[in-house]
């Protein structure tokens, strides 16, 4: 995350920042997975506790999905953890399906929930 700006500096990536009262409370991004031209990854989606339950996560997720569609990606992939139950419920509500194994070497070694949404 030290080079987050550089990671989202090209036209095939997006990072959104959520603000409440002019304060950053979260964000979410979309980035292309290496060696997978038609697949992008939902990345770094997080909200501070005071921003949860207000529809912000749904809005961030929807904007990321729309961006992926505009860029002609065929699928959007994500990795999460089982203890993030509210996040997983949000992803499922938005059409993400659980996978049995990861699709790529993302380096997220602690994540053991893998999901995919066909666009």
N, C-alpha and C. Protein backbone atom coordinates (compact mmCIF):
# COMPACT_ATOMS: atom_id res chain seq x y z
N UNK A 1 0.80 -1.21 0.00
CA UNK A 1 0.00 0.00 0.00
C UNK A 1 0.84 1.27 0.00
N UNK A 2 2.15 1.15 0.16
CA UNK A 2 3.02 2.34 0.12
C UNK A 2 2.98 3.01 -1.24
N UNK A 3 2.75 2.25 -2.30
CA UNK A 3 2.75 2.80 -3.66
C UNK A 3 1.35 2.74 -4.27
N UNK A 4 0.34 2.96 -3.46
CA UNK A 4 -1.04 2.84 -3.91
C UNK A 4 -1.35 3.79 -5.06
N UNK A 5 -0.85 5.02 -5.00
CA UNK A 5 -1.11 5.98 -6.07
C UNK A 5 -0.61 5.45 -7.41
N UNK A 6 0.60 4.92 -7.42
CA UNK A 6 1.17 4.39 -8.66
C UNK A 6 0.39 3.19 -9.18
N UNK A 7 -0.15 2.40 -8.28
CA UNK A 7 -0.91 1.21 -8.68
C UNK A 7 -2.17 1.58 -9.45
N UNK A 8 -2.73 2.75 -9.19
CA UNK A 8 -3.98 3.17 -9.84
C UNK A 8 -3.78 4.36 -10.78
N UNK A 9 -2.59 4.47 -11.36
CA UNK A 9 -2.26 5.65 -12.17
C UNK A 9 -2.59 5.51 -13.65
N UNK A 10 -3.04 4.35 -14.12
CA UNK A 10 -3.34 4.24 -15.55
C UNK A 10 -4.85 4.19 -15.79
N UNK A 11 -5.23 4.26 -17.05
CA UNK A 11 -6.64 4.37 -17.41
C UNK A 11 -7.43 3.07 -17.24
N UNK A 12 -6.76 1.97 -16.97
CA UNK A 12 -7.44 0.68 -16.79
C UNK A 12 -7.72 0.39 -15.33
N UNK A 13 -7.41 1.34 -14.44
CA UNK A 13 -7.62 1.16 -13.01
C UNK A 13 -8.42 2.34 -12.47
N UNK A 14 -8.99 2.13 -11.29
CA UNK A 14 -9.78 3.16 -10.64
C UNK A 14 -9.65 2.98 -9.13
N UNK A 15 -9.51 4.08 -8.42
CA UNK A 15 -9.63 4.03 -6.96
C UNK A 15 -10.51 5.17 -6.52
N UNK A 16 -11.55 4.84 -5.77
CA UNK A 16 -12.51 5.81 -5.27
C UNK A 16 -12.30 6.02 -3.78
N UNK A 17 -12.47 7.25 -3.35
CA UNK A 17 -12.35 7.59 -1.93
C UNK A 17 -13.70 8.09 -1.45
N UNK A 18 -14.15 7.58 -0.32
CA UNK A 18 -15.42 8.00 0.27
C UNK A 18 -15.16 9.05 1.34
N UNK A 19 -15.92 10.12 1.28
CA UNK A 19 -15.79 11.21 2.25
C UNK A 19 -17.08 11.38 3.04
N UNK A 20 -16.94 11.68 4.32
CA UNK A 20 -18.05 12.10 5.17
C UNK A 20 -17.57 13.33 5.92
N UNK A 21 -18.29 14.43 5.80
CA UNK A 21 -17.89 15.67 6.46
C UNK A 21 -16.44 16.04 6.14
N UNK A 22 -16.09 15.92 4.86
CA UNK A 22 -14.74 16.25 4.37
C UNK A 22 -13.63 15.41 4.99
N UNK A 23 -13.97 14.22 5.45
CA UNK A 23 -13.00 13.30 6.04
C UNK A 23 -13.05 11.98 5.28
N UNK A 24 -11.89 11.45 4.94
CA UNK A 24 -11.84 10.16 4.25
C UNK A 24 -12.28 9.07 5.22
N UNK A 25 -13.29 8.31 4.80
CA UNK A 25 -13.83 7.23 5.64
C UNK A 25 -13.73 5.86 4.97
N UNK A 26 -13.23 5.83 3.74
CA UNK A 26 -13.11 4.55 3.08
C UNK A 26 -12.76 4.70 1.62
N UNK A 27 -12.74 3.55 0.95
CA UNK A 27 -12.44 3.56 -0.48
C UNK A 27 -12.57 2.17 -1.07
N UNK A 28 -12.44 2.13 -2.39
CA UNK A 28 -12.48 0.87 -3.11
C UNK A 28 -11.85 1.09 -4.48
N UNK A 29 -11.22 0.04 -5.00
CA UNK A 29 -10.58 0.16 -6.29
C UNK A 29 -10.83 -1.03 -7.19
N UNK A 30 -10.50 -0.82 -8.46
CA UNK A 30 -10.57 -1.87 -9.47
C UNK A 30 -9.23 -1.85 -10.20
N UNK A 31 -8.62 -3.01 -10.31
CA UNK A 31 -7.37 -3.11 -11.04
C UNK A 31 -7.31 -4.38 -11.86
N UNK A 32 -6.59 -4.31 -12.95
CA UNK A 32 -6.43 -5.47 -13.83
C UNK A 32 -5.55 -6.51 -13.15
N UNK A 33 -5.94 -7.76 -13.26
CA UNK A 33 -5.11 -8.85 -12.76
C UNK A 33 -4.03 -9.19 -13.79
N UNK A 34 -2.83 -9.43 -13.32
CA UNK A 34 -1.73 -9.76 -14.22
C UNK A 34 -2.05 -11.00 -15.05
N UNK A 35 -1.73 -10.92 -16.33
CA UNK A 35 -1.90 -12.04 -17.27
C UNK A 35 -3.35 -12.48 -17.46
N UNK A 36 -4.30 -11.61 -17.13
CA UNK A 36 -5.71 -11.94 -17.29
C UNK A 36 -6.43 -10.73 -17.88
N UNK A 37 -6.43 -10.60 -19.19
CA UNK A 37 -6.92 -9.40 -19.85
C UNK A 37 -8.40 -9.12 -19.63
N UNK A 38 -9.21 -10.15 -19.50
CA UNK A 38 -10.65 -9.92 -19.41
C UNK A 38 -11.16 -9.90 -17.96
N UNK A 39 -10.24 -9.95 -17.01
CA UNK A 39 -10.60 -10.06 -15.60
C UNK A 39 -9.98 -8.93 -14.80
N UNK A 40 -10.78 -8.28 -13.97
CA UNK A 40 -10.24 -7.27 -13.06
C UNK A 40 -10.56 -7.70 -11.63
N UNK A 41 -9.94 -7.00 -10.69
CA UNK A 41 -10.11 -7.35 -9.29
C UNK A 41 -10.62 -6.15 -8.51
N UNK A 42 -11.61 -6.38 -7.67
CA UNK A 42 -12.04 -5.39 -6.70
C UNK A 42 -10.99 -5.40 -5.60
N UNK A 43 -10.42 -4.24 -5.32
CA UNK A 43 -9.28 -4.18 -4.40
C UNK A 43 -9.46 -3.11 -3.33
N UNK A 44 -8.87 -3.37 -2.21
CA UNK A 44 -8.74 -2.38 -1.14
C UNK A 44 -10.07 -1.71 -0.77
N UNK A 45 -11.14 -2.50 -0.71
CA UNK A 45 -12.43 -1.96 -0.30
C UNK A 45 -12.50 -1.98 1.22
N UNK A 46 -12.70 -0.79 1.79
CA UNK A 46 -12.73 -0.68 3.25
C UNK A 46 -13.50 0.57 3.65
N UNK A 47 -14.23 0.47 4.74
CA UNK A 47 -14.90 1.63 5.34
C UNK A 47 -14.61 1.65 6.83
N UNK A 48 -14.39 2.84 7.36
CA UNK A 48 -14.26 3.00 8.80
C UNK A 48 -15.59 2.64 9.45
N UNK A 49 -15.57 2.16 10.69
CA UNK A 49 -16.83 1.74 11.34
C UNK A 49 -17.93 2.79 11.30
N UNK A 50 -17.60 4.07 11.47
CA UNK A 50 -18.66 5.09 11.49
C UNK A 50 -19.30 5.32 10.12
N UNK A 51 -18.70 4.80 9.06
CA UNK A 51 -19.25 4.96 7.72
C UNK A 51 -20.08 3.75 7.28
N UNK A 52 -20.09 2.71 8.07
CA UNK A 52 -20.81 1.49 7.70
C UNK A 52 -22.30 1.62 7.96
N UNK A 53 -23.09 0.90 7.16
CA UNK A 53 -24.54 0.90 7.35
C UNK A 53 -25.23 2.13 6.77
N UNK A 54 -24.55 2.89 5.95
CA UNK A 54 -25.11 4.11 5.38
C UNK A 54 -25.25 4.04 3.86
N UNK A 55 -24.98 2.86 3.26
CA UNK A 55 -25.09 2.71 1.82
C UNK A 55 -23.84 3.09 1.05
N UNK A 56 -22.80 3.50 1.75
CA UNK A 56 -21.56 3.92 1.09
C UNK A 56 -20.89 2.74 0.40
N UNK A 57 -20.82 1.61 1.07
CA UNK A 57 -20.18 0.43 0.48
C UNK A 57 -20.91 0.01 -0.79
N UNK A 58 -22.23 0.04 -0.77
CA UNK A 58 -23.02 -0.32 -1.96
C UNK A 58 -22.70 0.64 -3.10
N UNK A 59 -22.62 1.92 -2.81
CA UNK A 59 -22.32 2.90 -3.85
C UNK A 59 -20.91 2.70 -4.41
N UNK A 60 -19.93 2.51 -3.54
CA UNK A 60 -18.55 2.26 -4.00
C UNK A 60 -18.50 1.01 -4.88
N UNK A 61 -19.14 -0.05 -4.42
CA UNK A 61 -19.14 -1.30 -5.18
C UNK A 61 -19.81 -1.11 -6.54
N UNK A 62 -20.95 -0.44 -6.57
CA UNK A 62 -21.66 -0.23 -7.83
C UNK A 62 -20.83 0.60 -8.80
N UNK A 63 -20.15 1.63 -8.31
CA UNK A 63 -19.29 2.44 -9.18
C UNK A 63 -18.11 1.63 -9.71
N UNK A 64 -17.56 0.75 -8.90
CA UNK A 64 -16.47 -0.11 -9.35
C UNK A 64 -16.96 -1.09 -10.42
N UNK A 65 -18.14 -1.65 -10.23
CA UNK A 65 -18.72 -2.57 -11.22
C UNK A 65 -18.98 -1.83 -12.53
N UNK A 66 -19.53 -0.64 -12.45
CA UNK A 66 -19.80 0.15 -13.66
C UNK A 66 -18.50 0.47 -14.41
N UNK A 67 -17.45 0.82 -13.67
CA UNK A 67 -16.16 1.10 -14.29
C UNK A 67 -15.65 -0.15 -15.02
N UNK A 68 -15.74 -1.31 -14.37
CA UNK A 68 -15.28 -2.56 -14.97
C UNK A 68 -16.04 -2.84 -16.27
N UNK A 69 -17.33 -2.60 -16.27
CA UNK A 69 -18.13 -2.79 -17.48
C UNK A 69 -17.70 -1.83 -18.58
N UNK A 70 -17.48 -0.57 -18.22
CA UNK A 70 -17.05 0.43 -19.21
C UNK A 70 -15.72 0.05 -19.85
N UNK A 71 -14.84 -0.57 -19.07
CA UNK A 71 -13.53 -0.97 -19.57
C UNK A 71 -13.58 -2.32 -20.28
N UNK A 72 -14.78 -2.87 -20.41
CA UNK A 72 -15.02 -4.11 -21.16
C UNK A 72 -14.44 -5.35 -20.49
N UNK A 73 -14.25 -5.30 -19.17
CA UNK A 73 -13.87 -6.52 -18.47
C UNK A 73 -15.04 -7.48 -18.51
N UNK A 74 -14.77 -8.76 -18.57
CA UNK A 74 -15.84 -9.76 -18.62
C UNK A 74 -16.25 -10.24 -17.22
N UNK A 75 -15.32 -10.13 -16.26
CA UNK A 75 -15.59 -10.58 -14.89
C UNK A 75 -14.83 -9.68 -13.91
N UNK A 76 -15.37 -9.65 -12.69
CA UNK A 76 -14.69 -8.94 -11.61
C UNK A 76 -14.51 -9.93 -10.45
N UNK A 77 -13.30 -9.99 -9.96
CA UNK A 77 -12.86 -10.98 -8.97
C UNK A 77 -12.55 -10.24 -7.66
N UNK A 78 -12.71 -10.93 -6.56
CA UNK A 78 -12.28 -10.36 -5.27
C UNK A 78 -11.84 -11.47 -4.34
N UNK A 79 -11.06 -11.06 -3.37
CA UNK A 79 -10.62 -11.96 -2.31
C UNK A 79 -10.97 -11.31 -0.98
N UNK A 80 -11.44 -12.13 -0.04
CA UNK A 80 -11.84 -11.62 1.26
C UNK A 80 -11.53 -12.67 2.33
N UNK A 81 -12.07 -12.45 3.51
CA UNK A 81 -11.88 -13.38 4.62
C UNK A 81 -13.23 -13.72 5.23
N UNK A 82 -13.40 -14.94 5.75
CA UNK A 82 -14.71 -15.37 6.25
C UNK A 82 -15.25 -14.49 7.38
N UNK A 83 -14.40 -13.89 8.18
CA UNK A 83 -14.88 -13.07 9.29
C UNK A 83 -15.50 -11.74 8.83
N UNK A 84 -15.31 -11.39 7.57
CA UNK A 84 -15.91 -10.16 7.02
C UNK A 84 -17.30 -10.47 6.47
N UNK A 85 -18.15 -10.94 7.35
CA UNK A 85 -19.48 -11.43 6.98
C UNK A 85 -20.33 -10.37 6.27
N UNK A 86 -20.33 -9.14 6.76
CA UNK A 86 -21.15 -8.09 6.14
C UNK A 86 -20.66 -7.81 4.72
N UNK A 87 -19.36 -7.81 4.52
CA UNK A 87 -18.81 -7.57 3.19
C UNK A 87 -19.20 -8.70 2.24
N UNK A 88 -19.07 -9.92 2.69
CA UNK A 88 -19.41 -11.08 1.85
C UNK A 88 -20.90 -11.05 1.50
N UNK A 89 -21.73 -10.68 2.45
CA UNK A 89 -23.17 -10.56 2.18
C UNK A 89 -23.42 -9.48 1.12
N UNK A 90 -22.72 -8.36 1.20
CA UNK A 90 -22.84 -7.30 0.20
C UNK A 90 -22.43 -7.80 -1.18
N UNK A 91 -21.32 -8.52 -1.24
CA UNK A 91 -20.85 -9.04 -2.53
C UNK A 91 -21.86 -10.02 -3.12
N UNK A 92 -22.38 -10.92 -2.28
CA UNK A 92 -23.37 -11.89 -2.77
C UNK A 92 -24.63 -11.18 -3.25
N UNK A 93 -25.07 -10.17 -2.53
CA UNK A 93 -26.25 -9.39 -2.92
C UNK A 93 -26.05 -8.74 -4.29
N UNK A 94 -24.81 -8.48 -4.65
CA UNK A 94 -24.48 -7.83 -5.92
C UNK A 94 -24.03 -8.81 -6.99
N UNK A 95 -24.30 -10.10 -6.78
CA UNK A 95 -24.08 -11.08 -7.83
C UNK A 95 -22.74 -11.80 -7.84
N UNK A 96 -21.93 -11.60 -6.81
CA UNK A 96 -20.67 -12.34 -6.72
C UNK A 96 -20.95 -13.75 -6.21
N UNK A 97 -20.28 -14.72 -6.80
CA UNK A 97 -20.41 -16.12 -6.42
C UNK A 97 -19.08 -16.61 -5.84
N UNK A 98 -19.18 -17.44 -4.80
CA UNK A 98 -17.97 -17.99 -4.18
C UNK A 98 -17.31 -19.01 -5.11
N UNK A 99 -15.99 -19.01 -5.06
CA UNK A 99 -15.17 -19.96 -5.82
C UNK A 99 -14.49 -20.92 -4.86
N UNK A 100 -14.03 -22.05 -5.38
CA UNK A 100 -13.34 -23.04 -4.56
C UNK A 100 -11.85 -22.77 -4.39
N UNK A 101 -11.30 -21.91 -5.25
CA UNK A 101 -9.87 -21.63 -5.22
C UNK A 101 -9.61 -20.25 -5.82
N UNK A 102 -8.47 -19.67 -5.54
CA UNK A 102 -8.16 -18.36 -6.13
C UNK A 102 -7.93 -18.46 -7.63
N UNK A 103 -8.16 -17.36 -8.33
CA UNK A 103 -7.96 -17.33 -9.78
C UNK A 103 -6.57 -16.85 -10.17
N UNK A 104 -5.87 -16.23 -9.24
CA UNK A 104 -4.59 -15.62 -9.59
C UNK A 104 -3.69 -15.58 -8.36
N UNK A 105 -2.43 -15.28 -8.58
CA UNK A 105 -1.47 -15.08 -7.50
C UNK A 105 -1.48 -13.60 -7.13
N UNK A 106 -2.39 -13.19 -6.26
CA UNK A 106 -2.54 -11.78 -5.92
C UNK A 106 -1.63 -11.36 -4.78
N UNK A 107 -1.13 -12.31 -4.02
CA UNK A 107 -0.30 -11.97 -2.87
C UNK A 107 -1.10 -11.75 -1.60
N UNK A 108 -2.41 -11.98 -1.65
CA UNK A 108 -3.26 -11.83 -0.47
C UNK A 108 -3.32 -13.17 0.26
N UNK A 109 -2.27 -13.50 0.95
CA UNK A 109 -2.14 -14.83 1.53
C UNK A 109 -3.11 -15.11 2.67
N UNK A 110 -3.62 -14.07 3.32
CA UNK A 110 -4.55 -14.30 4.42
C UNK A 110 -6.00 -14.43 3.96
N UNK A 111 -6.25 -14.14 2.70
CA UNK A 111 -7.61 -14.23 2.17
C UNK A 111 -7.90 -15.66 1.70
N UNK A 112 -9.00 -16.21 2.19
CA UNK A 112 -9.37 -17.56 1.75
C UNK A 112 -10.84 -17.64 1.32
N UNK A 113 -11.40 -16.49 0.98
CA UNK A 113 -12.70 -16.42 0.34
C UNK A 113 -12.46 -15.76 -1.02
N UNK A 114 -12.83 -16.45 -2.07
CA UNK A 114 -12.62 -15.97 -3.44
C UNK A 114 -13.98 -15.90 -4.11
N UNK A 115 -14.24 -14.77 -4.78
CA UNK A 115 -15.55 -14.57 -5.39
C UNK A 115 -15.40 -13.97 -6.78
N UNK A 116 -16.40 -14.24 -7.62
CA UNK A 116 -16.37 -13.77 -9.00
C UNK A 116 -17.77 -13.31 -9.42
N UNK A 117 -17.80 -12.23 -10.17
CA UNK A 117 -19.05 -11.75 -10.76
C UNK A 117 -18.85 -11.64 -12.24
N UNK A 118 -19.70 -12.30 -13.01
CA UNK A 118 -19.68 -12.17 -14.46
C UNK A 118 -20.33 -10.85 -14.83
N UNK A 119 -19.71 -10.15 -15.75
CA UNK A 119 -20.26 -8.87 -16.18
C UNK A 119 -20.96 -9.01 -17.51
